Amino acid sequence: LAGHLSASLGDVDTRTVGTLMAIPALPSVAFSMVVPALMKRFPSDTIVLWGLLTLLLTSVGLALTDPDSEAIVDAELFPRPGSSLQLGWQIGLFMLLGVGSAFGWTPVLPDLMEKASTRISRERICSRTVSMELVSPAVSSLFNAGAAIGEAVGPILGGIMYNRYGFSGTFLFMAVVFVG
């Protein structure tokens, strides 16, 4: 990501690159606080779909704003590397990454707990309160373990893909993953 930002934005110092890499966290936190209210009005699957679609479109946008994308799409890059417009695109796309992450990730744990609790309640013929107490520790542990594995493996796989396919190729691959 740092290499992409340097190539896209031109002569930027490492502090600027570090600050830009933190941008997705801001909308992710903000929209994570909004998702529970949305979950009262829309099914969790719908909200996750919104998140995946946002991540899909953002991945394509990031792929096409990378200087390497000219070779992939055989067209002149817009916006030009180092321009103020390119900086605006990068900030906007990074913010959308945060929004997509909030929508795509936040509903998952409560939804998993609800589904597991409903199943246990039916199978063991017990109250929802008892079934939730039974499933909460296991589901939370599995959810956190999955997140930790993703945090460890993601940068490694991303680095391997970046070295092999470049930034644009990596993000186009991610767009295909979000479609699947």
N, C-alpha and C. Protein backbone atom coordinates (compact mmCIF):
# COMPACT_ATOMS: atom_id res chain seq x y z
N LEU A 1 0.83 -1.19 0.00
CA LEU A 1 0.00 0.00 0.00
C LEU A 1 0.87 1.26 0.00
N ALA A 2 1.95 1.21 0.77
CA ALA A 2 2.84 2.37 0.80
C ALA A 2 3.44 2.63 -0.58
N GLY A 3 3.82 1.54 -1.27
CA GLY A 3 4.37 1.69 -2.62
C GLY A 3 3.37 2.28 -3.58
N HIS A 4 2.11 1.85 -3.48
CA HIS A 4 1.04 2.40 -4.33
C HIS A 4 0.86 3.89 -4.07
N LEU A 5 0.83 4.27 -2.79
CA LEU A 5 0.64 5.68 -2.47
C LEU A 5 1.78 6.53 -2.98
N SER A 6 3.00 6.04 -2.84
CA SER A 6 4.16 6.80 -3.34
C SER A 6 4.09 6.94 -4.86
N ALA A 7 3.72 5.85 -5.55
CA ALA A 7 3.63 5.91 -7.01
C ALA A 7 2.48 6.81 -7.46
N SER A 8 1.39 6.78 -6.74
CA SER A 8 0.21 7.56 -7.14
C SER A 8 0.31 9.03 -6.81
N LEU A 9 0.92 9.31 -5.67
CA LEU A 9 0.92 10.69 -5.18
C LEU A 9 2.21 11.43 -5.46
N GLY A 10 3.21 10.74 -5.96
CA GLY A 10 4.46 11.40 -6.26
C GLY A 10 5.32 11.53 -5.02
N ASP A 11 5.99 12.63 -4.88
CA ASP A 11 6.95 12.83 -3.80
C ASP A 11 6.23 13.14 -2.49
N VAL A 12 5.91 12.10 -1.72
CA VAL A 12 5.27 12.27 -0.42
C VAL A 12 6.17 11.66 0.65
N ASP A 13 6.15 12.27 1.82
CA ASP A 13 6.99 11.74 2.89
C ASP A 13 6.28 10.57 3.59
N THR A 14 7.04 9.82 4.37
CA THR A 14 6.50 8.61 5.01
C THR A 14 5.40 8.93 6.02
N ARG A 15 5.45 10.10 6.66
CA ARG A 15 4.38 10.46 7.60
C ARG A 15 3.04 10.62 6.87
N THR A 16 3.09 11.22 5.70
CA THR A 16 1.87 11.38 4.91
C THR A 16 1.32 10.02 4.50
N VAL A 17 2.21 9.14 4.05
CA VAL A 17 1.79 7.80 3.66
C VAL A 17 1.17 7.08 4.86
N GLY A 18 1.80 7.18 6.02
CA GLY A 18 1.26 6.55 7.23
C GLY A 18 -0.09 7.10 7.61
N THR A 19 -0.25 8.40 7.50
CA THR A 19 -1.53 9.02 7.82
C THR A 19 -2.61 8.55 6.85
N LEU A 20 -2.29 8.51 5.57
CA LEU A 20 -3.25 8.06 4.57
C LEU A 20 -3.67 6.61 4.81
N MET A 21 -2.73 5.77 5.23
CA MET A 21 -3.05 4.36 5.47
C MET A 21 -4.00 4.20 6.66
N ALA A 22 -4.05 5.18 7.54
CA ALA A 22 -4.95 5.11 8.70
C ALA A 22 -6.36 5.62 8.39
N ILE A 23 -6.53 6.26 7.24
CA ILE A 23 -7.82 6.87 6.91
C ILE A 23 -9.00 5.90 6.98
N PRO A 24 -8.90 4.67 6.48
CA PRO A 24 -10.08 3.79 6.52
C PRO A 24 -10.64 3.56 7.93
N ALA A 25 -9.81 3.71 8.94
CA ALA A 25 -10.28 3.46 10.31
C ALA A 25 -11.36 4.46 10.74
N LEU A 26 -11.25 5.71 10.30
CA LEU A 26 -12.21 6.72 10.74
C LEU A 26 -13.64 6.41 10.30
N PRO A 27 -13.90 6.22 9.00
CA PRO A 27 -15.28 5.88 8.63
C PRO A 27 -15.70 4.49 9.12
N SER A 28 -14.74 3.60 9.28
CA SER A 28 -15.08 2.27 9.79
C SER A 28 -15.64 2.37 11.20
N VAL A 29 -14.99 3.15 12.04
CA VAL A 29 -15.49 3.34 13.41
C VAL A 29 -16.84 4.04 13.39
N ALA A 30 -16.95 5.10 12.62
CA ALA A 30 -18.20 5.87 12.59
C ALA A 30 -19.37 5.01 12.08
N PHE A 31 -19.17 4.30 10.99
CA PHE A 31 -20.26 3.51 10.43
C PHE A 31 -20.53 2.24 11.23
N SER A 32 -19.53 1.75 11.94
CA SER A 32 -19.78 0.61 12.84
C SER A 32 -20.78 0.98 13.93
N MET A 33 -20.82 2.25 14.28
CA MET A 33 -21.78 2.72 15.28
C MET A 33 -23.18 2.87 14.69
N VAL A 34 -23.28 3.02 13.38
CA VAL A 34 -24.56 3.18 12.70
C VAL A 34 -25.18 1.82 12.35
N VAL A 35 -24.35 0.82 12.12
CA VAL A 35 -24.84 -0.48 11.67
C VAL A 35 -25.87 -1.10 12.61
N PRO A 36 -25.70 -1.06 13.94
CA PRO A 36 -26.74 -1.66 14.79
C PRO A 36 -28.14 -1.07 14.55
N ALA A 37 -28.22 0.23 14.31
CA ALA A 37 -29.53 0.83 14.01
C ALA A 37 -30.05 0.33 12.67
N LEU A 38 -29.16 0.18 11.70
CA LEU A 38 -29.58 -0.35 10.40
C LEU A 38 -30.05 -1.80 10.51
N MET A 39 -29.43 -2.55 11.43
CA MET A 39 -29.81 -3.96 11.60
C MET A 39 -31.24 -4.11 12.14
N LYS A 40 -31.77 -3.06 12.73
CA LYS A 40 -33.16 -3.10 13.18
C LYS A 40 -34.14 -2.91 12.02
N ARG A 41 -33.65 -2.33 10.93
CA ARG A 41 -34.51 -2.04 9.78
C ARG A 41 -34.27 -2.97 8.60
N PHE A 42 -33.06 -3.54 8.51
CA PHE A 42 -32.71 -4.36 7.35
C PHE A 42 -32.09 -5.68 7.83
N PRO A 43 -32.26 -6.74 7.05
CA PRO A 43 -31.61 -8.00 7.41
C PRO A 43 -30.09 -7.85 7.39
N SER A 44 -29.43 -8.59 8.26
CA SER A 44 -27.96 -8.55 8.32
C SER A 44 -27.33 -8.87 6.97
N ASP A 45 -27.91 -9.84 6.26
CA ASP A 45 -27.36 -10.22 4.96
C ASP A 45 -27.37 -9.05 3.98
N THR A 46 -28.38 -8.22 4.05
CA THR A 46 -28.48 -7.05 3.17
C THR A 46 -27.37 -6.05 3.50
N ILE A 47 -27.14 -5.82 4.77
CA ILE A 47 -26.10 -4.87 5.18
C ILE A 47 -24.72 -5.39 4.78
N VAL A 48 -24.48 -6.68 4.98
CA VAL A 48 -23.21 -7.27 4.56
C VAL A 48 -23.05 -7.14 3.05
N LEU A 49 -24.13 -7.36 2.30
CA LEU A 49 -24.07 -7.19 0.85
C LEU A 49 -23.70 -5.77 0.47
N TRP A 50 -24.29 -4.78 1.15
CA TRP A 50 -23.90 -3.38 0.91
C TRP A 50 -22.40 -3.20 1.12
N GLY A 51 -21.89 -3.78 2.20
CA GLY A 51 -20.46 -3.68 2.48
C GLY A 51 -19.62 -4.32 1.40
N LEU A 52 -20.01 -5.51 0.96
CA LEU A 52 -19.25 -6.20 -0.09
C LEU A 52 -19.30 -5.44 -1.40
N LEU A 53 -20.46 -4.88 -1.73
CA LEU A 53 -20.55 -4.09 -2.96
C LEU A 53 -19.68 -2.83 -2.87
N THR A 54 -19.67 -2.20 -1.71
CA THR A 54 -18.82 -1.02 -1.52
C THR A 54 -17.36 -1.41 -1.66
N LEU A 55 -16.97 -2.53 -1.06
CA LEU A 55 -15.58 -2.99 -1.18
C LEU A 55 -15.24 -3.39 -2.61
N LEU A 56 -16.19 -3.97 -3.32
CA LEU A 56 -15.99 -4.33 -4.73
C LEU A 56 -15.70 -3.08 -5.56
N LEU A 57 -16.58 -2.09 -5.46
CA LEU A 57 -16.40 -0.87 -6.25
C LEU A 57 -15.15 -0.11 -5.86
N THR A 58 -14.85 -0.11 -4.57
CA THR A 58 -13.65 0.58 -4.10
C THR A 58 -12.39 -0.12 -4.59
N SER A 59 -12.41 -1.45 -4.60
CA SER A 59 -11.26 -2.20 -5.11
C SER A 59 -10.99 -1.89 -6.58
N VAL A 60 -12.06 -1.85 -7.36
CA VAL A 60 -11.91 -1.50 -8.78
C VAL A 60 -11.37 -0.07 -8.90
N GLY A 61 -11.92 0.84 -8.10
CA GLY A 61 -11.45 2.23 -8.12
C GLY A 61 -9.97 2.34 -7.77
N LEU A 62 -9.55 1.64 -6.73
CA LEU A 62 -8.14 1.68 -6.35
C LEU A 62 -7.27 1.07 -7.44
N ALA A 63 -7.73 -0.02 -8.03
CA ALA A 63 -6.96 -0.64 -9.12
C ALA A 63 -6.77 0.32 -10.28
N LEU A 64 -7.84 1.04 -10.62
CA LEU A 64 -7.77 1.92 -11.79
C LEU A 64 -7.08 3.24 -11.53
N THR A 65 -6.89 3.62 -10.26
CA THR A 65 -6.17 4.87 -9.98
C THR A 65 -4.67 4.63 -9.79
N ASP A 66 -4.25 3.39 -9.85
CA ASP A 66 -2.83 3.09 -9.71
C ASP A 66 -2.11 3.32 -11.04
N PRO A 67 -0.92 3.89 -11.01
CA PRO A 67 -0.18 4.10 -12.26
C PRO A 67 0.02 2.82 -13.08
N ASP A 68 0.08 1.65 -12.43
CA ASP A 68 0.22 0.39 -13.16
C ASP A 68 -1.01 0.06 -13.99
N SER A 69 -2.15 0.66 -13.67
CA SER A 69 -3.39 0.29 -14.36
C SER A 69 -3.40 0.70 -15.82
N GLU A 70 -2.57 1.66 -16.20
CA GLU A 70 -2.52 2.06 -17.61
C GLU A 70 -2.19 0.87 -18.49
N ALA A 71 -1.29 0.02 -18.02
CA ALA A 71 -0.90 -1.15 -18.80
C ALA A 71 -2.03 -2.17 -18.85
N ILE A 72 -2.81 -2.26 -17.79
CA ILE A 72 -3.89 -3.25 -17.72
C ILE A 72 -5.06 -2.85 -18.59
N VAL A 73 -5.49 -1.59 -18.49
CA VAL A 73 -6.68 -1.16 -19.24
C VAL A 73 -6.35 -0.52 -20.57
N ASP A 74 -5.05 -0.38 -20.86
CA ASP A 74 -4.59 0.20 -22.12
C ASP A 74 -5.24 1.56 -22.37
N ALA A 75 -5.21 2.40 -21.35
CA ALA A 75 -5.77 3.75 -21.47
C ALA A 75 -4.95 4.69 -20.59
N GLU A 76 -5.08 5.98 -20.87
CA GLU A 76 -4.37 6.97 -20.07
C GLU A 76 -5.00 7.05 -18.69
N LEU A 77 -4.14 7.11 -17.69
CA LEU A 77 -4.59 7.11 -16.31
C LEU A 77 -5.28 8.42 -15.95
N PHE A 78 -6.39 8.29 -15.28
CA PHE A 78 -7.06 9.45 -14.71
C PHE A 78 -7.34 9.12 -13.27
N PRO A 79 -7.02 9.92 -12.36
CA PRO A 79 -6.26 11.16 -12.44
C PRO A 79 -4.75 10.91 -12.50
N ARG A 80 -4.02 11.89 -12.93
CA ARG A 80 -2.57 11.77 -13.10
C ARG A 80 -1.87 11.60 -11.76
N PRO A 81 -0.83 10.76 -11.73
CA PRO A 81 -0.05 10.60 -10.49
C PRO A 81 0.52 11.94 -10.02
N GLY A 82 0.48 12.13 -8.72
CA GLY A 82 1.02 13.33 -8.12
C GLY A 82 0.09 14.53 -8.11
N SER A 83 -1.08 14.41 -8.73
CA SER A 83 -1.98 15.55 -8.79
C SER A 83 -2.84 15.64 -7.53
N SER A 84 -3.38 16.82 -7.30
CA SER A 84 -4.30 17.01 -6.17
C SER A 84 -5.54 16.14 -6.34
N LEU A 85 -5.96 15.96 -7.57
CA LEU A 85 -7.12 15.11 -7.83
C LEU A 85 -6.82 13.66 -7.44
N GLN A 86 -5.61 13.20 -7.72
CA GLN A 86 -5.22 11.84 -7.33
C GLN A 86 -5.27 11.70 -5.81
N LEU A 87 -4.78 12.71 -5.10
CA LEU A 87 -4.83 12.67 -3.63
C LEU A 87 -6.28 12.59 -3.16
N GLY A 88 -7.15 13.38 -3.76
CA GLY A 88 -8.57 13.35 -3.40
C GLY A 88 -9.20 11.98 -3.66
N TRP A 89 -8.86 11.39 -4.81
CA TRP A 89 -9.36 10.05 -5.12
C TRP A 89 -8.90 9.04 -4.08
N GLN A 90 -7.61 9.10 -3.73
CA GLN A 90 -7.08 8.13 -2.77
C GLN A 90 -7.77 8.28 -1.41
N ILE A 91 -7.93 9.51 -0.95
CA ILE A 91 -8.60 9.73 0.34
C ILE A 91 -10.04 9.23 0.27
N GLY A 92 -10.75 9.58 -0.78
CA GLY A 92 -12.14 9.14 -0.93
C GLY A 92 -12.27 7.62 -0.99
N LEU A 93 -11.40 6.99 -1.76
CA LEU A 93 -11.44 5.53 -1.87
C LEU A 93 -11.07 4.86 -0.55
N PHE A 94 -10.11 5.42 0.16
CA PHE A 94 -9.74 4.86 1.46
C PHE A 94 -10.89 5.00 2.45
N MET A 95 -11.60 6.11 2.38
CA MET A 95 -12.77 6.28 3.26
C MET A 95 -13.84 5.24 2.91
N LEU A 96 -14.05 4.99 1.62
CA LEU A 96 -15.01 3.98 1.22
C LEU A 96 -14.59 2.58 1.68
N LEU A 97 -13.28 2.33 1.72
CA LEU A 97 -12.82 1.05 2.28
C LEU A 97 -13.31 0.89 3.72
N GLY A 98 -13.22 1.97 4.48
CA GLY A 98 -13.68 1.93 5.87
C GLY A 98 -15.18 1.71 5.97
N VAL A 99 -15.95 2.38 5.11
CA VAL A 99 -17.41 2.21 5.11
C VAL A 99 -17.76 0.77 4.75
N GLY A 100 -17.14 0.26 3.70
CA GLY A 100 -17.40 -1.12 3.28
C GLY A 100 -17.04 -2.13 4.35
N SER A 101 -15.95 -1.88 5.05
CA SER A 101 -15.55 -2.78 6.13
C SER A 101 -16.57 -2.76 7.26
N ALA A 102 -17.05 -1.58 7.61
CA ALA A 102 -18.04 -1.48 8.69
C ALA A 102 -19.32 -2.23 8.33
N PHE A 103 -19.81 -2.02 7.10
CA PHE A 103 -21.04 -2.70 6.68
C PHE A 103 -20.82 -4.20 6.50
N GLY A 104 -19.66 -4.57 5.98
CA GLY A 104 -19.39 -5.97 5.69
C GLY A 104 -19.01 -6.80 6.90
N TRP A 105 -18.55 -6.17 7.96
CA TRP A 105 -17.98 -6.89 9.10
C TRP A 105 -18.85 -6.79 10.35
N THR A 106 -19.37 -5.62 10.65
CA THR A 106 -20.07 -5.38 11.91
C THR A 106 -21.27 -6.30 12.15
N PRO A 107 -22.11 -6.58 11.15
CA PRO A 107 -23.27 -7.43 11.42
C PRO A 107 -22.95 -8.91 11.61
N VAL A 108 -21.74 -9.31 11.28
CA VAL A 108 -21.43 -10.74 11.23
C VAL A 108 -21.49 -11.40 12.61
N LEU A 109 -20.85 -10.83 13.62
CA LEU A 109 -20.82 -11.47 14.95
C LEU A 109 -22.23 -11.58 15.55
N PRO A 110 -23.02 -10.51 15.60
CA PRO A 110 -24.37 -10.68 16.15
C PRO A 110 -25.20 -11.69 15.36
N ASP A 111 -25.03 -11.70 14.05
CA ASP A 111 -25.78 -12.63 13.21
C ASP A 111 -25.36 -14.08 13.50
N LEU A 112 -24.06 -14.32 13.64
CA LEU A 112 -23.59 -15.66 13.99
C LEU A 112 -24.13 -16.10 15.34
N MET A 113 -24.11 -15.21 16.31
CA MET A 113 -24.61 -15.55 17.65
C MET A 113 -26.11 -15.85 17.60
N GLU A 114 -26.85 -15.05 16.85
CA GLU A 114 -28.29 -15.25 16.75
C GLU A 114 -28.61 -16.60 16.11
N LYS A 115 -27.93 -16.92 15.01
CA LYS A 115 -28.19 -18.18 14.32
C LYS A 115 -27.79 -19.38 15.18
N ALA A 116 -26.63 -19.29 15.83
CA ALA A 116 -26.19 -20.40 16.70
C ALA A 116 -27.12 -20.56 17.89
N SER A 117 -27.54 -19.46 18.47
CA SER A 117 -28.44 -19.49 19.62
C SER A 117 -29.80 -20.10 19.24
N THR A 118 -30.31 -19.71 18.08
CA THR A 118 -31.59 -20.26 17.62
C THR A 118 -31.48 -21.77 17.43
N ARG A 119 -30.39 -22.21 16.85
CA ARG A 119 -30.20 -23.66 16.63
C ARG A 119 -30.11 -24.42 17.95
N ILE A 120 -29.30 -23.91 18.87
CA ILE A 120 -29.14 -24.56 20.18
C ILE A 120 -30.46 -24.56 20.93
N SER A 121 -31.19 -23.48 20.87
CA SER A 121 -32.48 -23.38 21.55
C SER A 121 -33.45 -24.45 21.04
N ARG A 122 -33.47 -24.67 19.74
CA ARG A 122 -34.34 -25.70 19.15
C ARG A 122 -33.86 -27.11 19.50
N GLU A 123 -32.54 -27.34 19.36
CA GLU A 123 -32.00 -28.68 19.58
C GLU A 123 -32.09 -29.12 21.04
N ARG A 124 -31.84 -28.21 21.94
CA ARG A 124 -31.82 -28.56 23.37
C ARG A 124 -33.11 -28.19 24.09
N ILE A 125 -34.02 -27.62 23.36
CA ILE A 125 -35.30 -27.17 23.91
C ILE A 125 -35.06 -26.35 25.19
N CYS A 126 -34.36 -25.26 25.00
CA CYS A 126 -34.08 -24.34 26.11
C CYS A 126 -34.42 -22.92 25.69
N SER A 127 -34.41 -22.03 26.65
CA SER A 127 -34.77 -20.64 26.37
C SER A 127 -33.68 -19.97 25.54
N ARG A 128 -34.05 -18.87 24.92
CA ARG A 128 -33.08 -18.09 24.13
C ARG A 128 -31.97 -17.55 25.03
N THR A 129 -32.29 -17.18 26.25
CA THR A 129 -31.29 -16.66 27.18
C THR A 129 -30.24 -17.73 27.47
N VAL A 130 -30.70 -18.94 27.78
CA VAL A 130 -29.78 -20.04 28.08
C VAL A 130 -28.96 -20.39 26.84
N SER A 131 -29.61 -20.46 25.68
CA SER A 131 -28.87 -20.81 24.47
C SER A 131 -27.84 -19.75 24.11
N MET A 132 -28.17 -18.48 24.34
CA MET A 132 -27.20 -17.41 24.07
C MET A 132 -26.01 -17.52 25.01
N GLU A 133 -26.24 -17.84 26.26
CA GLU A 133 -25.14 -18.04 27.21
C GLU A 133 -24.26 -19.21 26.80
N LEU A 134 -24.86 -20.23 26.21
CA LEU A 134 -24.09 -21.39 25.76
C LEU A 134 -23.23 -21.09 24.53
N VAL A 135 -23.77 -20.35 23.59
CA VAL A 135 -23.05 -20.14 22.33
C VAL A 135 -22.12 -18.93 22.32
N SER A 136 -22.39 -17.94 23.15
CA SER A 136 -21.60 -16.69 23.09
C SER A 136 -20.10 -16.89 23.21
N PRO A 137 -19.60 -17.63 24.20
CA PRO A 137 -18.14 -17.78 24.29
C PRO A 137 -17.52 -18.46 23.07
N ALA A 138 -18.16 -19.53 22.59
CA ALA A 138 -17.58 -20.26 21.45
C ALA A 138 -17.63 -19.42 20.17
N VAL A 139 -18.76 -18.78 19.91
CA VAL A 139 -18.89 -17.98 18.69
C VAL A 139 -17.94 -16.78 18.74
N SER A 140 -17.86 -16.12 19.87
CA SER A 140 -16.94 -14.98 20.01
C SER A 140 -15.50 -15.41 19.80
N SER A 141 -15.14 -16.56 20.36
CA SER A 141 -13.77 -17.07 20.20
C SER A 141 -13.45 -17.37 18.75
N LEU A 142 -14.37 -18.05 18.06
CA LEU A 142 -14.15 -18.36 16.65
C LEU A 142 -14.08 -17.09 15.80
N PHE A 143 -14.94 -16.14 16.09
CA PHE A 143 -14.95 -14.88 15.35
C PHE A 143 -13.62 -14.15 15.54
N ASN A 144 -13.16 -14.04 16.77
CA ASN A 144 -11.88 -13.36 17.05
C ASN A 144 -10.71 -14.11 16.46
N ALA A 145 -10.75 -15.45 16.51
CA ALA A 145 -9.67 -16.24 15.91
C ALA A 145 -9.62 -16.01 14.39
N GLY A 146 -10.80 -15.98 13.77
CA GLY A 146 -10.84 -15.72 12.33
C GLY A 146 -10.30 -14.34 11.98
N ALA A 147 -10.65 -13.35 12.79
CA ALA A 147 -10.13 -11.99 12.56
C ALA A 147 -8.62 -11.95 12.73
N ALA A 148 -8.12 -12.63 13.75
CA ALA A 148 -6.67 -12.64 13.99
C ALA A 148 -5.93 -13.33 12.85
N ILE A 149 -6.47 -14.43 12.37
CA ILE A 149 -5.84 -15.12 11.24
C ILE A 149 -5.83 -14.21 10.00
N GLY A 150 -6.95 -13.54 9.77
CA GLY A 150 -7.02 -12.62 8.64
C GLY A 150 -6.02 -11.48 8.75
N GLU A 151 -5.85 -10.94 9.96
CA GLU A 151 -4.89 -9.86 10.17
C GLU A 151 -3.46 -10.32 9.94
N ALA A 152 -3.19 -11.58 10.26
CA ALA A 152 -1.84 -12.11 10.06
C ALA A 152 -1.59 -12.53 8.61
N VAL A 153 -2.54 -13.22 8.02
CA VAL A 153 -2.35 -13.78 6.68
C VAL A 153 -2.59 -12.73 5.60
N GLY A 154 -3.51 -11.79 5.82
CA GLY A 154 -3.84 -10.79 4.81
C GLY A 154 -2.64 -10.02 4.27
N PRO A 155 -1.84 -9.42 5.15
CA PRO A 155 -0.68 -8.69 4.64
C PRO A 155 0.34 -9.58 3.93
N ILE A 156 0.48 -10.81 4.39
CA ILE A 156 1.42 -11.73 3.74
C ILE A 156 0.95 -12.05 2.33
N LEU A 157 -0.32 -12.47 2.21
CA LEU A 157 -0.87 -12.77 0.89
C LEU A 157 -0.91 -11.53 0.01
N GLY A 158 -1.28 -10.39 0.61
CA GLY A 158 -1.29 -9.14 -0.15
C GLY A 158 0.08 -8.80 -0.69
N GLY A 159 1.11 -8.99 0.13
CA GLY A 159 2.49 -8.73 -0.32
C GLY A 159 2.93 -9.65 -1.43
N ILE A 160 2.57 -10.92 -1.31
CA ILE A 160 2.91 -11.89 -2.36
C ILE A 160 2.20 -11.52 -3.67
N MET A 161 0.93 -11.20 -3.55
CA MET A 161 0.17 -10.83 -4.75
C MET A 161 0.68 -9.53 -5.36
N TYR A 162 1.00 -8.57 -4.50
CA TYR A 162 1.53 -7.29 -5.00
C TYR A 162 2.83 -7.52 -5.78
N ASN A 163 3.72 -8.35 -5.23
CA ASN A 163 4.99 -8.62 -5.92
C ASN A 163 4.78 -9.35 -7.24
N ARG A 164 3.75 -10.18 -7.31
CA ARG A 164 3.53 -10.96 -8.51
C ARG A 164 2.65 -10.23 -9.54
N TYR A 165 1.58 -9.55 -9.07
CA TYR A 165 0.59 -8.98 -9.99
C TYR A 165 0.51 -7.46 -9.95
N GLY A 166 1.26 -6.81 -9.06
CA GLY A 166 1.19 -5.36 -8.92
C GLY A 166 -0.03 -4.94 -8.12
N PHE A 167 -0.10 -3.67 -7.84
CA PHE A 167 -1.21 -3.15 -7.03
C PHE A 167 -2.54 -3.32 -7.76
N SER A 168 -2.59 -2.92 -9.02
CA SER A 168 -3.83 -3.00 -9.77
C SER A 168 -4.33 -4.44 -9.87
N GLY A 169 -3.45 -5.36 -10.20
CA GLY A 169 -3.84 -6.76 -10.32
C GLY A 169 -4.35 -7.32 -9.00
N THR A 170 -3.70 -6.94 -7.91
CA THR A 170 -4.12 -7.41 -6.59
C THR A 170 -5.52 -6.90 -6.26
N PHE A 171 -5.78 -5.63 -6.50
CA PHE A 171 -7.10 -5.09 -6.17
C PHE A 171 -8.18 -5.56 -7.15
N LEU A 172 -7.82 -5.84 -8.39
CA LEU A 172 -8.80 -6.43 -9.31
C LEU A 172 -9.14 -7.85 -8.86
N PHE A 173 -8.14 -8.58 -8.37
CA PHE A 173 -8.41 -9.91 -7.81
C PHE A 173 -9.34 -9.80 -6.61
N MET A 174 -9.10 -8.81 -5.74
CA MET A 174 -9.97 -8.63 -4.59
C MET A 174 -11.40 -8.30 -5.02
N ALA A 175 -11.54 -7.54 -6.08
CA ALA A 175 -12.88 -7.24 -6.59
C ALA A 175 -13.59 -8.53 -7.00
N VAL A 176 -12.86 -9.44 -7.63
CA VAL A 176 -13.45 -10.73 -8.02
C VAL A 176 -13.85 -11.51 -6.76
N VAL A 177 -13.02 -11.46 -5.73
CA VAL A 177 -13.35 -12.15 -4.47
C VAL A 177 -14.63 -11.57 -3.88
N PHE A 178 -14.79 -10.27 -3.91
CA PHE A 178 -16.00 -9.65 -3.34
C PHE A 178 -17.25 -10.01 -4.15
N VAL A 179 -17.10 -10.27 -5.44
CA VAL A 179 -18.23 -10.72 -6.25
C VAL A 179 -18.64 -12.13 -5.83
N GLY A 180 -17.63 -12.96 -5.54
CA GLY A 180 -17.89 -14.37 -5.17
C GLY A 180 -18.54 -14.45 -3.85
